[in-house]
């Protein structure tokens, strides 16, 4: 039996903790074949984003076109789209295709570095209207709604507002909550039905790649024809296991620990 095929449209992370590399590890662990279209090459670690190098537009478009021509793609996940021109290409290629789409609106790295150009937001909002589900964190939701999100009431209000504004399901991640007892992710479906997905708070030095991993696992669930909630539940559990099984190294010549999720062991 053929494996489901999931396409990741995202940046390449040199530390292999986020972006395409995290997506591919997640797809493979969950039993799917992963395809990739590289948007940019990012020189980064969980501690620093040093530089971002967008892929030339003709090469970016060629990657997508040959994959759509060659594979029966079951789901798509987008991550870092660093220019409005890249977003426009994706919108044009997806607008007439009935393929489940998970949009992780990557705007800010876990280090706090800005990852998109300032004029990409308007283009990104158009892509969000094509999504089956969007998976913002608090800072990304704040940018999209132009308001602060701090409390659980803020989170619920924001998730409903995003689902309504973009006519899609919204999975608003709770990792930036001030609670140190429990993480609460909130799923609001297109019809307004709300589900909370909770887990004990796990303190780790860096959260690099958690958003990519969750969105990739969500796309796998949709590729497997699960319901939105079933796919969300699988993604939530997979990401929490990957955090639990994370591993770290000491950066040479420093006392700094660099931590990575373990997407490969996250299945166990």
C-alpha atoms as a PDB file:
ATOM      1  CA  UNK A   1       0.000   0.000   0.000  1.00  0.00           C
ATOM      2  CA  UNK A   2       1.399   3.395  -0.963  1.00  0.00           C
ATOM      3  CA  UNK A   3       2.304   5.795   1.813  1.00  0.00           C
ATOM      4  CA  UNK A   4       0.503   9.132   2.003  1.00  0.00           C
ATOM      5  CA  UNK A   5       2.524  11.978   0.490  1.00  0.00           C
ATOM      6  CA  UNK A   6       2.940  15.287   2.309  1.00  0.00           C
ATOM      7  CA  UNK A   7       4.624  18.361   0.822  1.00  0.00           C
ATOM      8  CA  UNK A   8       6.475  20.850   2.993  1.00  0.00           C
ATOM      9  CA  UNK A   9       6.990  24.342   1.575  1.00  0.00           C
ATOM     10  CA  UNK A  10       9.411  25.920   4.024  1.00  0.00           C
ATOM     11  CA  UNK A  11      12.920  27.109   4.798  1.00  0.00           C
ATOM     12  CA  UNK A  12      16.007  24.967   5.247  1.00  0.00           C
ATOM     13  CA  UNK A  13      17.400  25.133   8.792  1.00  0.00           C
ATOM     14  CA  UNK A  14      21.138  24.493   8.980  1.00  0.00           C
ATOM     15  CA  UNK A  15      20.770  23.117  12.517  1.00  0.00           C
ATOM     16  CA  UNK A  16      18.086  20.660  11.314  1.00  0.00           C
ATOM     17  CA  UNK A  17      15.887  21.475  14.286  1.00  0.00           C
ATOM     18  CA  UNK A  18      13.132  23.339  12.459  1.00  0.00           C
ATOM     19  CA  UNK A  19      11.951  24.005   8.909  1.00  0.00           C
ATOM     20  CA  UNK A  20      12.143  21.367   6.218  1.00  0.00           C
ATOM     21  CA  UNK A  21      14.411  19.126   8.257  1.00  0.00           C
ATOM     22  CA  UNK A  22      12.015  18.958  11.199  1.00  0.00           C
ATOM     23  CA  UNK A  23       9.134  18.372   8.795  1.00  0.00           C
ATOM     24  CA  UNK A  24      10.829  15.485   7.025  1.00  0.00           C
ATOM     25  CA  UNK A  25      11.704  13.771  10.310  1.00  0.00           C
ATOM     26  CA  UNK A  26       8.101  14.149  11.444  1.00  0.00           C
ATOM     27  CA  UNK A  27       6.660  12.858   8.156  1.00  0.00           C
ATOM     28  CA  UNK A  28       8.965   9.834   8.169  1.00  0.00           C
ATOM     29  CA  UNK A  29       8.328   8.942  11.805  1.00  0.00           C
ATOM     30  CA  UNK A  30       4.565   9.101  11.261  1.00  0.00           C
ATOM     31  CA  UNK A  31       4.740   6.885   8.162  1.00  0.00           C
ATOM     32  CA  UNK A  32       4.426   9.380   5.288  1.00  0.00           C
ATOM     33  CA  UNK A  33       6.624  10.183   2.312  1.00  0.00           C
ATOM     34  CA  UNK A  34       7.801  13.783   2.489  1.00  0.00           C
ATOM     35  CA  UNK A  35       8.388  16.158  -0.415  1.00  0.00           C
ATOM     36  CA  UNK A  36      10.057  19.551  -0.040  1.00  0.00           C
ATOM     37  CA  UNK A  37      10.062  22.891  -1.798  1.00  0.00           C
ATOM     38  CA  UNK A  38      12.796  25.106  -0.342  1.00  0.00           C
ATOM     39  CA  UNK A  39      11.840  28.760   0.187  1.00  0.00           C
ATOM     40  CA  UNK A  40      15.111  29.926   1.709  1.00  0.00           C
ATOM     41  CA  UNK A  41      18.328  28.764   3.312  1.00  0.00           C
ATOM     42  CA  UNK A  42      18.634  29.896   6.920  1.00  0.00           C
ATOM     43  CA  UNK A  43      21.940  29.972   8.781  1.00  0.00           C
ATOM     44  CA  UNK A  44      20.713  29.355  12.310  1.00  0.00           C
ATOM     45  CA  UNK A  45      20.791  27.355  15.500  1.00  0.00           C
ATOM     46  CA  UNK A  46      18.275  27.317  18.366  1.00  0.00           C
ATOM     47  CA  UNK A  47      20.302  30.213  19.829  1.00  0.00           C
ATOM     48  CA  UNK A  48      20.719  32.505  16.807  1.00  0.00           C
ATOM     49  CA  UNK A  49      19.397  33.377  13.358  1.00  0.00           C
ATOM     50  CA  UNK A  50      22.486  34.632  11.531  1.00  0.00           C
ATOM     51  CA  UNK A  51      21.193  35.093   7.983  1.00  0.00           C
ATOM     52  CA  UNK A  52      18.322  34.227   5.626  1.00  0.00           C
ATOM     53  CA  UNK A  53      18.884  33.649   1.914  1.00  0.00           C
ATOM     54  CA  UNK A  54      15.701  33.407  -0.222  1.00  0.00           C
ATOM     55  CA  UNK A  55      15.695  30.951  -3.117  1.00  0.00           C
ATOM     56  CA  UNK A  56      15.419  32.596  -6.585  1.00  0.00           C
ATOM     57  CA  UNK A  57      11.764  32.744  -7.600  1.00  0.00           C
ATOM     58  CA  UNK A  58      12.156  30.723 -10.794  1.00  0.00           C
ATOM     59  CA  UNK A  59      13.784  27.867  -8.877  1.00  0.00           C
ATOM     60  CA  UNK A  60      11.136  28.072  -6.157  1.00  0.00           C
ATOM     61  CA  UNK A  61       8.340  27.887  -8.757  1.00  0.00           C
ATOM     62  CA  UNK A  62      10.047  25.007 -10.603  1.00  0.00           C
ATOM     63  CA  UNK A  63      10.219  22.951  -7.404  1.00  0.00           C
ATOM     64  CA  UNK A  64       6.492  23.282  -6.834  1.00  0.00           C
ATOM     65  CA  UNK A  65       5.432  22.716 -10.424  1.00  0.00           C
ATOM     66  CA  UNK A  66       7.444  19.527 -10.904  1.00  0.00           C
ATOM     67  CA  UNK A  67       6.162  18.097  -7.613  1.00  0.00           C
ATOM     68  CA  UNK A  68       2.512  18.832  -8.447  1.00  0.00           C
ATOM     69  CA  UNK A  69       3.028  17.297 -11.900  1.00  0.00           C
ATOM     70  CA  UNK A  70       4.698  14.160 -10.548  1.00  0.00           C
ATOM     71  CA  UNK A  71       3.060  13.136  -7.255  1.00  0.00           C
ATOM     72  CA  UNK A  72      -0.470  12.565  -5.914  1.00  0.00           C
ATOM     73  CA  UNK A  73       0.029  14.884  -2.944  1.00  0.00           C
ATOM     74  CA  UNK A  74      -2.296  14.157  -0.009  1.00  0.00           C
ATOM     75  CA  UNK A  75      -1.581  17.215   2.150  1.00  0.00           C
ATOM     76  CA  UNK A  76       0.579  20.336   2.195  1.00  0.00           C
ATOM     77  CA  UNK A  77       2.239  22.236   5.028  1.00  0.00           C
ATOM     78  CA  UNK A  78       3.694  25.712   4.591  1.00  0.00           C
ATOM     79  CA  UNK A  79       6.245  27.233   6.913  1.00  0.00           C
ATOM     80  CA  UNK A  80       8.542  30.182   6.309  1.00  0.00           C
ATOM     81  CA  UNK A  81       7.598  32.087   3.156  1.00  0.00           C
ATOM     82  CA  UNK A  82       9.976  35.006   3.368  1.00  0.00           C
ATOM     83  CA  UNK A  83       8.804  37.272   0.514  1.00  0.00           C
ATOM     84  CA  UNK A  84       5.381  38.334  -0.800  1.00  0.00           C
ATOM     85  CA  UNK A  85       6.382  36.998  -4.226  1.00  0.00           C
ATOM     86  CA  UNK A  86       6.837  33.505  -2.770  1.00  0.00           C
ATOM     87  CA  UNK A  87       3.449  33.693  -1.086  1.00  0.00           C
ATOM     88  CA  UNK A  88       1.841  34.806  -4.361  1.00  0.00           C
ATOM     89  CA  UNK A  89       3.323  31.819  -6.204  1.00  0.00           C
ATOM     90  CA  UNK A  90       1.976  29.426  -3.581  1.00  0.00           C
ATOM     91  CA  UNK A  91      -1.481  31.032  -3.650  1.00  0.00           C
ATOM     92  CA  UNK A  92      -1.669  30.820  -7.435  1.00  0.00           C
ATOM     93  CA  UNK A  93      -0.665  27.154  -7.499  1.00  0.00           C
ATOM     94  CA  UNK A  94      -2.975  26.113  -4.659  1.00  0.00           C
ATOM     95  CA  UNK A  95      -6.133  28.118  -5.289  1.00  0.00           C
ATOM     96  CA  UNK A  96      -7.674  25.522  -7.658  1.00  0.00           C
ATOM     97  CA  UNK A  97      -6.294  22.408  -5.965  1.00  0.00           C
ATOM     98  CA  UNK A  98      -8.418  20.545  -3.426  1.00  0.00           C
ATOM     99  CA  UNK A  99      -5.556  19.444  -1.176  1.00  0.00           C
ATOM    100  CA  UNK A 100      -5.675  19.819   2.640  1.00  0.00           C
ATOM    101  CA  UNK A 101      -3.414  22.723   3.607  1.00  0.00           C
ATOM    102  CA  UNK A 102      -1.822  23.490   6.973  1.00  0.00           C
ATOM    103  CA  UNK A 103      -0.419  27.022   7.141  1.00  0.00           C
ATOM    104  CA  UNK A 104       2.057  27.711   9.912  1.00  0.00           C
ATOM    105  CA  UNK A 105       2.305  31.519   9.633  1.00  0.00           C
ATOM    106  CA  UNK A 106       5.983  31.682  10.528  1.00  0.00           C
ATOM    107  CA  UNK A 107       6.938  35.291  11.226  1.00  0.00           C
ATOM    108  CA  UNK A 108       9.168  35.285  14.291  1.00  0.00           C
ATOM    109  CA  UNK A 109      11.820  32.731  15.315  1.00  0.00           C
ATOM    110  CA  UNK A 110      11.901  31.286  18.832  1.00  0.00           C
ATOM    111  CA  UNK A 111      14.981  33.501  19.349  1.00  0.00           C
ATOM    112  CA  UNK A 112      12.805  36.570  18.706  1.00  0.00           C
ATOM    113  CA  UNK A 113      14.324  37.300  15.287  1.00  0.00           C
ATOM    114  CA  UNK A 114      11.988  38.522  12.530  1.00  0.00           C
ATOM    115  CA  UNK A 115      11.901  36.034   9.647  1.00  0.00           C
ATOM    116  CA  UNK A 116       9.676  37.719   7.054  1.00  0.00           C
ATOM    117  CA  UNK A 117      10.026  40.915   5.097  1.00  0.00           C
ATOM    118  CA  UNK A 118       7.812  43.737   6.364  1.00  0.00           C
ATOM    119  CA  UNK A 119       5.622  43.697   3.252  1.00  0.00           C
ATOM    120  CA  UNK A 120       4.790  39.979   3.383  1.00  0.00           C
ATOM    121  CA  UNK A 121       1.902  40.207   5.851  1.00  0.00           C
ATOM    122  CA  UNK A 122      -0.753  41.224   3.332  1.00  0.00           C
ATOM    123  CA  UNK A 123       0.195  38.401   0.983  1.00  0.00           C
ATOM    124  CA  UNK A 124       0.261  35.913   3.857  1.00  0.00           C
ATOM    125  CA  UNK A 125      -3.280  36.846   4.869  1.00  0.00           C
ATOM    126  CA  UNK A 126      -4.494  35.779   1.414  1.00  0.00           C
ATOM    127  CA  UNK A 127      -2.817  32.386   1.856  1.00  0.00           C
ATOM    128  CA  UNK A 128      -4.535  31.939   5.219  1.00  0.00           C
ATOM    129  CA  UNK A 129      -7.919  32.054   3.465  1.00  0.00           C
ATOM    130  CA  UNK A 130      -6.905  28.973   1.438  1.00  0.00           C
ATOM    131  CA  UNK A 131      -5.919  26.935   4.503  1.00  0.00           C
ATOM    132  CA  UNK A 132      -7.692  23.974   6.009  1.00  0.00           C
ATOM    133  CA  UNK A 133      -6.162  24.985   9.339  1.00  0.00           C
ATOM    134  CA  UNK A 134      -3.736  27.658  10.518  1.00  0.00           C
ATOM    135  CA  UNK A 135      -1.373  27.095  13.453  1.00  0.00           C
ATOM    136  CA  UNK A 136      -0.170  30.447  14.853  1.00  0.00           C
ATOM    137  CA  UNK A 137       1.481  30.985  18.227  1.00  0.00           C
ATOM    138  CA  UNK A 138       0.689  33.982  20.430  1.00  0.00           C
ATOM    139  CA  UNK A 139       3.183  36.427  18.801  1.00  0.00           C
ATOM    140  CA  UNK A 140       1.974  35.491  15.301  1.00  0.00           C
ATOM    141  CA  UNK A 141      -1.677  35.797  16.293  1.00  0.00           C
ATOM    142  CA  UNK A 142      -0.921  39.203  17.823  1.00  0.00           C
ATOM    143  CA  UNK A 143       0.521  40.385  14.510  1.00  0.00           C
ATOM    144  CA  UNK A 144      -2.428  39.038  12.528  1.00  0.00           C
ATOM    145  CA  UNK A 145      -5.010  40.603  14.853  1.00  0.00           C
ATOM    146  CA  UNK A 146      -3.001  43.665  15.942  1.00  0.00           C
ATOM    147  CA  UNK A 147      -3.746  43.072  19.624  1.00  0.00           C
ATOM    148  CA  UNK A 148      -2.086  41.541  22.678  1.00  0.00           C
ATOM    149  CA  UNK A 149      -2.759  37.961  23.772  1.00  0.00           C
ATOM    150  CA  UNK A 150      -1.852  37.172  27.366  1.00  0.00           C
ATOM    151  CA  UNK A 151      -4.659  35.353  29.182  1.00  0.00           C
ATOM    152  CA  UNK A 152      -6.683  32.229  28.431  1.00  0.00           C
ATOM    153  CA  UNK A 153      -9.649  34.474  27.625  1.00  0.00           C
ATOM    154  CA  UNK A 154      -7.461  36.388  25.168  1.00  0.00           C
ATOM    155  CA  UNK A 155      -6.428  33.092  23.572  1.00  0.00           C
ATOM    156  CA  UNK A 156     -10.008  31.906  23.141  1.00  0.00           C
ATOM    157  CA  UNK A 157     -11.157  35.233  21.729  1.00  0.00           C
ATOM    158  CA  UNK A 158      -8.194  35.348  19.321  1.00  0.00           C
ATOM    159  CA  UNK A 159      -8.721  31.779  18.077  1.00  0.00           C
ATOM    160  CA  UNK A 160     -12.373  32.501  17.312  1.00  0.00           C
ATOM    161  CA  UNK A 161     -11.469  35.804  15.639  1.00  0.00           C
ATOM    162  CA  UNK A 162      -8.829  34.204  13.406  1.00  0.00           C
ATOM    163  CA  UNK A 163     -11.117  31.314  12.418  1.00  0.00           C
ATOM    164  CA  UNK A 164     -13.844  33.794  11.490  1.00  0.00           C
ATOM    165  CA  UNK A 165     -11.569  36.296   9.718  1.00  0.00           C
ATOM    166  CA  UNK A 166      -9.901  33.726   7.486  1.00  0.00           C
ATOM    167  CA  UNK A 167     -12.820  31.240   7.205  1.00  0.00           C
ATOM    168  CA  UNK A 168     -10.671  28.360   8.350  1.00  0.00           C
ATOM    169  CA  UNK A 169      -9.917  26.262  11.415  1.00  0.00           C
ATOM    170  CA  UNK A 170      -7.453  27.860  13.828  1.00  0.00           C
ATOM    171  CA  UNK A 171      -5.140  25.911  16.137  1.00  0.00           C
ATOM    172  CA  UNK A 172      -3.756  28.602  18.464  1.00  0.00           C
ATOM    173  CA  UNK A 173      -0.725  27.234  20.278  1.00  0.00           C
ATOM    174  CA  UNK A 174      -0.386  28.031  23.969  1.00  0.00           C
ATOM    175  CA  UNK A 175       3.354  27.699  24.424  1.00  0.00           C
ATOM    176  CA  UNK A 176       3.783  31.441  25.037  1.00  0.00           C
ATOM    177  CA  UNK A 177       1.286  31.439  27.901  1.00  0.00           C
ATOM    178  CA  UNK A 178       2.567  32.694  31.262  1.00  0.00           C
ATOM    179  CA  UNK A 179       1.387  29.500  32.977  1.00  0.00           C
ATOM    180  CA  UNK A 180       4.172  27.231  34.234  1.00  0.00           C
ATOM    181  CA  UNK A 181       1.788  24.431  35.175  1.00  0.00           C
ATOM    182  CA  UNK A 182      -0.017  23.500  31.968  1.00  0.00           C
ATOM    183  CA  UNK A 183       0.116  24.100  28.232  1.00  0.00           C
ATOM    184  CA  UNK A 184      -3.252  24.616  26.562  1.00  0.00           C
ATOM    185  CA  UNK A 185      -3.516  24.624  22.770  1.00  0.00           C
ATOM    186  CA  UNK A 186      -6.897  25.706  21.466  1.00  0.00           C
ATOM    187  CA  UNK A 187      -8.578  24.442  18.297  1.00  0.00           C
ATOM    188  CA  UNK A 188     -11.497  26.412  16.885  1.00  0.00           C
ATOM    189  CA  UNK A 189     -12.998  24.813  13.800  1.00  0.00           C
ATOM    190  CA  UNK A 190     -14.574  26.674  10.917  1.00  0.00           C
ATOM    191  CA  UNK A 191     -18.061  26.200  12.401  1.00  0.00           C
ATOM    192  CA  UNK A 192     -16.927  27.691  15.722  1.00  0.00           C
ATOM    193  CA  UNK A 193     -16.639  24.416  17.654  1.00  0.00           C
ATOM    194  CA  UNK A 194     -13.885  24.787  20.289  1.00  0.00           C
ATOM    195  CA  UNK A 195     -11.599  22.052  21.649  1.00  0.00           C
ATOM    196  CA  UNK A 196      -8.802  22.425  24.193  1.00  0.00           C
ATOM    197  CA  UNK A 197      -5.721  20.178  24.052  1.00  0.00           C
ATOM    198  CA  UNK A 198      -3.788  20.266  27.310  1.00  0.00           C
ATOM    199  CA  UNK A 199      -0.484  18.890  28.552  1.00  0.00           C
ATOM    200  CA  UNK A 200       1.742  19.435  31.600  1.00  0.00           C
ATOM    201  CA  UNK A 201       4.257  22.253  31.132  1.00  0.00           C
ATOM    202  CA  UNK A 202       7.696  20.943  30.126  1.00  0.00           C
ATOM    203  CA  UNK A 203      10.523  23.415  30.755  1.00  0.00           C
ATOM    204  CA  UNK A 204      13.249  23.269  28.095  1.00  0.00           C
ATOM    205  CA  UNK A 205      16.015  25.791  27.281  1.00  0.00           C
ATOM    206  CA  UNK A 206      14.823  26.380  23.698  1.00  0.00           C
ATOM    207  CA  UNK A 207      11.575  25.657  21.863  1.00  0.00           C
ATOM    208  CA  UNK A 208      13.185  25.679  18.405  1.00  0.00           C
ATOM    209  CA  UNK A 209      11.147  23.600  15.949  1.00  0.00           C
ATOM    210  CA  UNK A 210       8.075  22.954  18.067  1.00  0.00           C
ATOM    211  CA  UNK A 211       5.767  24.902  15.751  1.00  0.00           C
ATOM    212  CA  UNK A 212       7.160  23.255  12.618  1.00  0.00           C
ATOM    213  CA  UNK A 213       6.849  19.813  14.174  1.00  0.00           C
ATOM    214  CA  UNK A 214       3.245  20.341  15.233  1.00  0.00           C
ATOM    215  CA  UNK A 215       2.159  21.705  11.838  1.00  0.00           C
ATOM    216  CA  UNK A 216       3.927  18.854  10.024  1.00  0.00           C
ATOM    217  CA  UNK A 217       2.250  16.243  12.231  1.00  0.00           C
ATOM    218  CA  UNK A 218      -1.094  17.995  11.655  1.00  0.00           C
ATOM    219  CA  UNK A 219      -0.561  17.710   7.886  1.00  0.00           C
ATOM    220  CA  UNK A 220       0.125  13.991   8.270  1.00  0.00           C
ATOM    221  CA  UNK A 221      -3.204  13.543  10.032  1.00  0.00           C
ATOM    222  CA  UNK A 222      -5.033  15.320   7.225  1.00  0.00           C
ATOM    223  CA  UNK A 223      -3.157  13.243   4.624  1.00  0.00           C
ATOM    224  CA  UNK A 224      -4.461  10.171   6.445  1.00  0.00           C
ATOM    225  CA  UNK A 225      -7.996  11.594   6.075  1.00  0.00           C
ATOM    226  CA  UNK A 226      -8.459  12.129   9.808  1.00  0.00           C
ATOM    227  CA  UNK A 227     -10.913  14.752  11.023  1.00  0.00           C
ATOM    228  CA  UNK A 228      -9.553  18.171  11.986  1.00  0.00           C
ATOM    229  CA  UNK A 229      -9.756  17.280  15.688  1.00  0.00           C
ATOM    230  CA  UNK A 230      -8.206  13.831  15.209  1.00  0.00           C
ATOM    231  CA  UNK A 231      -5.325  15.379  13.266  1.00  0.00           C
ATOM    232  CA  UNK A 232      -4.937  18.080  15.931  1.00  0.00           C
ATOM    233  CA  UNK A 233      -4.864  15.497  18.716  1.00  0.00           C
ATOM    234  CA  UNK A 234      -2.208  13.443  16.916  1.00  0.00           C
ATOM    235  CA  UNK A 235      -0.100  16.557  16.298  1.00  0.00           C
ATOM    236  CA  UNK A 236      -0.412  17.704  19.908  1.00  0.00           C
ATOM    237  CA  UNK A 237       0.615  14.332  21.333  1.00  0.00           C
ATOM    238  CA  UNK A 238       3.477  13.881  18.868  1.00  0.00           C
ATOM    239  CA  UNK A 239       4.911  17.316  19.672  1.00  0.00           C
ATOM    240  CA  UNK A 240       4.678  16.786  23.423  1.00  0.00           C
ATOM    241  CA  UNK A 241       6.537  13.475  23.098  1.00  0.00           C
ATOM    242  CA  UNK A 242       9.189  15.123  20.927  1.00  0.00           C
ATOM    243  CA  UNK A 243       9.678  17.764  23.643  1.00  0.00           C
ATOM    244  CA  UNK A 244       9.834  15.094  26.329  1.00  0.00           C
ATOM    245  CA  UNK A 245      12.501  13.145  24.417  1.00  0.00           C
ATOM    246  CA  UNK A 246      14.550  16.223  23.444  1.00  0.00           C
ATOM    247  CA  UNK A 247      18.332  16.105  23.722  1.00  0.00           C
ATOM    248  CA  UNK A 248      21.065  18.706  24.079  1.00  0.00           C
ATOM    249  CA  UNK A 249      24.740  19.435  23.591  1.00  0.00           C
ATOM    250  CA  UNK A 250      27.060  22.088  24.996  1.00  0.00           C
ATOM    251  CA  UNK A 251      28.153  24.665  22.433  1.00  0.00           C
ATOM    252  CA  UNK A 252      31.968  24.487  21.996  1.00  0.00           C
ATOM    253  CA  UNK A 253      33.861  26.899  24.232  1.00  0.00           C
ATOM    254  CA  UNK A 254      30.757  28.022  26.137  1.00  0.00           C
ATOM    255  CA  UNK A 255      28.416  26.946  28.916  1.00  0.00           C
ATOM    256  CA  UNK A 256      25.413  27.284  26.610  1.00  0.00           C
ATOM    257  CA  UNK A 257      23.221  24.243  26.000  1.00  0.00           C
ATOM    258  CA  UNK A 258      21.737  23.773  22.537  1.00  0.00           C
ATOM    259  CA  UNK A 259      18.567  21.702  22.702  1.00  0.00           C
ATOM    260  CA  UNK A 260      16.726  19.894  19.922  1.00  0.00           C
ATOM    261  CA  UNK A 261      13.435  18.061  19.842  1.00  0.00           C
ATOM    262  CA  UNK A 262      13.553  14.377  19.036  1.00  0.00           C
ATOM    263  CA  UNK A 263      11.005  14.025  16.256  1.00  0.00           C
ATOM    264  CA  UNK A 264      12.359  10.575  15.370  1.00  0.00           C
ATOM    265  CA  UNK A 265      11.818   9.167  18.883  1.00  0.00           C
ATOM    266  CA  UNK A 266       8.632  11.176  19.357  1.00  0.00           C
ATOM    267  CA  UNK A 267       6.610   8.228  18.041  1.00  0.00           C
ATOM    268  CA  UNK A 268       7.597   5.968  20.937  1.00  0.00           C
END
